C-alpha atoms as a PDB file:
ATOM      1  CA  MET A   1     -16.397   2.202  -0.455  1.00  0.00           C
ATOM      2  CA  LYS A   2     -12.996   3.467  -1.573  1.00  0.00           C
ATOM      3  CA  LYS A   3      -9.549   2.021  -0.827  1.00  0.00           C
ATOM      4  CA  ILE A   4      -6.711   4.478  -0.232  1.00  0.00           C
ATOM      5  CA  PHE A   5      -2.975   3.822  -0.468  1.00  0.00           C
ATOM      6  CA  VAL A   6      -0.862   5.582   2.174  1.00  0.00           C
ATOM      7  CA  GLY A   7       2.865   5.496   1.430  1.00  0.00           C
ATOM      8  CA  ASN A   8       6.062   6.802   3.034  1.00  0.00           C
ATOM      9  CA  LEU A   9       4.716   6.005   6.496  1.00  0.00           C
ATOM     10  CA  ASP A  10       6.822   6.279   9.601  1.00  0.00           C
ATOM     11  CA  PHE A  11       7.573   2.701  10.685  1.00  0.00           C
ATOM     12  CA  SER A  12       6.066   3.401  14.120  1.00  0.00           C
ATOM     13  CA  ALA A  13       2.627   4.241  12.646  1.00  0.00           C
ATOM     14  CA  THR A  14      -0.231   2.177  14.051  1.00  0.00           C
ATOM     15  CA  GLU A  15      -3.707   1.278  12.835  1.00  0.00           C
ATOM     16  CA  ALA A  16      -5.138   3.529  15.561  1.00  0.00           C
ATOM     17  CA  SER A  17      -2.998   6.512  14.512  1.00  0.00           C
ATOM     18  CA  LEU A  18      -4.030   6.114  10.855  1.00  0.00           C
ATOM     19  CA  ARG A  19      -7.684   5.751  11.823  1.00  0.00           C
ATOM     20  CA  THR A  20      -7.407   8.979  13.846  1.00  0.00           C
ATOM     21  CA  LEU A  21      -5.753  10.736  10.892  1.00  0.00           C
ATOM     22  CA  PHE A  22      -8.502   9.750   8.410  1.00  0.00           C
ATOM     23  CA  GLU A  23     -11.659   9.876  10.586  1.00  0.00           C
ATOM     24  CA  PRO A  24     -12.173  13.668  10.288  1.00  0.00           C
ATOM     25  CA  TYR A  25     -12.985  13.031   6.594  1.00  0.00           C
ATOM     26  CA  GLY A  26     -15.494  10.214   7.111  1.00  0.00           C
ATOM     27  CA  ALA A  27     -16.062   6.745   8.485  1.00  0.00           C
ATOM     28  CA  VAL A  28     -13.022   4.471   8.285  1.00  0.00           C
ATOM     29  CA  GLU A  29     -14.023   0.889   7.540  1.00  0.00           C
ATOM     30  CA  SER A  30     -10.588  -0.719   7.863  1.00  0.00           C
ATOM     31  CA  VAL A  31      -6.872  -0.024   8.148  1.00  0.00           C
ATOM     32  CA  HIS A  32      -4.186  -2.495   7.049  1.00  0.00           C
ATOM     33  CA  ILE A  33      -0.508  -1.753   7.606  1.00  0.00           C
ATOM     34  CA  ALA A  34       1.681  -3.897   5.337  1.00  0.00           C
ATOM     35  CA  THR A  35       4.265  -5.944   7.217  1.00  0.00           C
ATOM     36  CA  ASP A  36       7.225  -8.057   6.154  1.00  0.00           C
ATOM     37  CA  ARG A  37       6.341 -11.757   6.158  1.00  0.00           C
ATOM     38  CA  ASP A  38       9.622 -12.854   7.718  1.00  0.00           C
ATOM     39  CA  THR A  39      10.297 -10.136  10.291  1.00  0.00           C
ATOM     40  CA  GLY A  40       6.803  -8.805  11.009  1.00  0.00           C
ATOM     41  CA  ARG A  41       8.134  -5.227  10.725  1.00  0.00           C
ATOM     42  CA  ALA A  42       6.098  -2.528   8.999  1.00  0.00           C
ATOM     43  CA  ARG A  43       7.018  -1.950   5.342  1.00  0.00           C
ATOM     44  CA  GLY A  44       6.196   1.768   5.304  1.00  0.00           C
ATOM     45  CA  PHE A  45       2.813   1.699   3.609  1.00  0.00           C
ATOM     46  CA  ALA A  46      -0.804   0.953   4.438  1.00  0.00           C
ATOM     47  CA  PHE A  47      -4.297   0.762   2.991  1.00  0.00           C
ATOM     48  CA  VAL A  48      -7.271   2.595   4.451  1.00  0.00           C
ATOM     49  CA  GLU A  49     -10.823   1.798   3.366  1.00  0.00           C
ATOM     50  CA  MET A  50     -13.410   4.540   3.760  1.00  0.00           C
ATOM     51  CA  ALA A  51     -17.163   4.038   3.475  1.00  0.00           C
ATOM     52  CA  ASP A  52     -17.926   7.300   1.654  1.00  0.00           C
ATOM     53  CA  SER A  53     -16.213   7.959  -1.673  1.00  0.00           C
ATOM     54  CA  GLY A  54     -16.567  11.744  -1.278  1.00  0.00           C
ATOM     55  CA  GLY A  55     -14.943  11.664   2.163  1.00  0.00           C
ATOM     56  CA  ALA A  56     -12.156   9.489   0.788  1.00  0.00           C
ATOM     57  CA  ASP A  57     -11.477  12.002  -1.989  1.00  0.00           C
ATOM     58  CA  LYS A  58     -11.351  14.831   0.569  1.00  0.00           C
ATOM     59  CA  ALA A  59      -8.923  12.818   2.721  1.00  0.00           C
ATOM     60  CA  ILE A  60      -6.665  12.147  -0.274  1.00  0.00           C
ATOM     61  CA  THR A  61      -6.586  15.838  -1.212  1.00  0.00           C
ATOM     62  CA  ALA A  62      -6.041  17.020   2.364  1.00  0.00           C
ATOM     63  CA  LEU A  63      -3.484  14.437   3.496  1.00  0.00           C
ATOM     64  CA  ASN A  64      -1.289  13.911   0.436  1.00  0.00           C
ATOM     65  CA  GLY A  65       2.085  15.524   1.192  1.00  0.00           C
ATOM     66  CA  THR A  66       1.230  16.055   4.866  1.00  0.00           C
ATOM     67  CA  ASN A  67       4.186  15.660   7.217  1.00  0.00           C
ATOM     68  CA  VAL A  68       3.491  12.895   9.744  1.00  0.00           C
ATOM     69  CA  GLY A  69       6.280  11.564  11.937  1.00  0.00           C
ATOM     70  CA  GLY A  70       8.860  13.524   9.972  1.00  0.00           C
ATOM     71  CA  ARG A  71       7.794  12.032   6.619  1.00  0.00           C
ATOM     72  CA  ALA A  72       5.688  13.493   3.809  1.00  0.00           C
ATOM     73  CA  LEU A  73       2.828  11.065   3.178  1.00  0.00           C
ATOM     74  CA  ASN A  74       2.007   9.796  -0.290  1.00  0.00           C
ATOM     75  CA  VAL A  75      -1.802   9.414  -0.261  1.00  0.00           C
ATOM     76  CA  ASN A  76      -3.807   8.384  -3.322  1.00  0.00           C
ATOM     77  CA  GLU A  77      -6.533   6.034  -4.464  1.00  0.00           C
ATOM     78  CA  ALA A  78      -5.312   2.451  -4.364  1.00  0.00           C
ATOM     79  CA  ARG A  79      -4.887   0.787  -7.737  1.00  0.00           C
ATOM     80  CA  PRO A  80      -6.131  -2.755  -8.301  1.00  0.00           C
ATOM     81  CA  LYS A  81      -3.581  -5.437  -7.522  1.00  0.00           C
ATOM     82  CA  ALA A  82      -1.572  -6.378 -10.611  1.00  0.00           C
ATOM     83  CA  ASP A  83      -1.980  -9.898 -11.964  1.00  0.00           C
ATOM     84  CA  ARG A  84       0.904 -11.824 -10.471  1.00  0.00           C
ATOM     85  CA  ALA A  85       0.471 -15.110 -12.338  1.00  0.00           C
ATOM     86  CA  GLY A  86       3.852 -16.718 -12.791  1.00  0.00           C
ATOM     87  CA  SER A  87       7.136 -15.266 -11.662  1.00  0.00           C
ATOM     88  CA  GLY A  88       7.633 -12.902 -14.577  1.00  0.00           C
ATOM     89  CA  ARG A  89      10.156 -15.241 -16.192  1.00  0.00           C
ATOM     90  CA  GLU A  90       9.477 -17.004 -19.417  1.00  0.00           C
ATOM     91  CA  SER A  91       8.257 -20.481 -18.615  1.00  0.00           C
ATOM     92  CA  GLY A  92      10.446 -23.327 -19.731  1.00  0.00           C
ATOM     93  CA  VAL A  93      13.563 -21.219 -20.069  1.00  0.00           C
ATOM     94  CA  ARG A  94      16.374 -21.717 -17.595  1.00  0.00           C
ATOM     95  CA  GLY A  95      19.395 -19.545 -17.249  1.00  0.00           C
ATOM     96  CA  GLY A  96      18.492 -17.515 -20.320  1.00  0.00           C
ATOM     97  CA  ARG A  97      19.099 -20.371 -22.769  1.00  0.00           C
ATOM     98  CA  SER A  98      16.327 -21.976 -24.705  1.00  0.00           C
ATOM     99  CA  GLY A  99      17.014 -25.659 -24.247  1.00  0.00           C
ATOM    100  CA  THR A 100      20.616 -25.814 -25.450  1.00  0.00           C
ATOM    101  CA  ARG A 101      23.079 -27.643 -23.283  1.00  0.00           C
ATOM    102  CA  ARG A 102      26.824 -27.725 -23.460  1.00  0.00           C
ATOM    103  CA  TRP A 103      28.716 -30.540 -21.835  1.00  0.00           C
END
């Protein structure tokens, strides 16, 4: 199974339309369109999982740069999710100062 990232999607894209776009290259296991947590609106990208790795590679090659809904798709193999432990800030440091207070 291979997971594919599909970026620069038209905001009106649906799971059914993506499934239809990818099915000529092999069996589509799942489609997930990323949505904003607060508004529920599409964020312009999705993930498609395909059962056959060879079919997924053919889909990536064929669909990358394809114009769909007036937008050129960015299609490539999905990268593993980055480790998001912490917030990216140094722990224990507030406001950029390392423990010094001025009154």
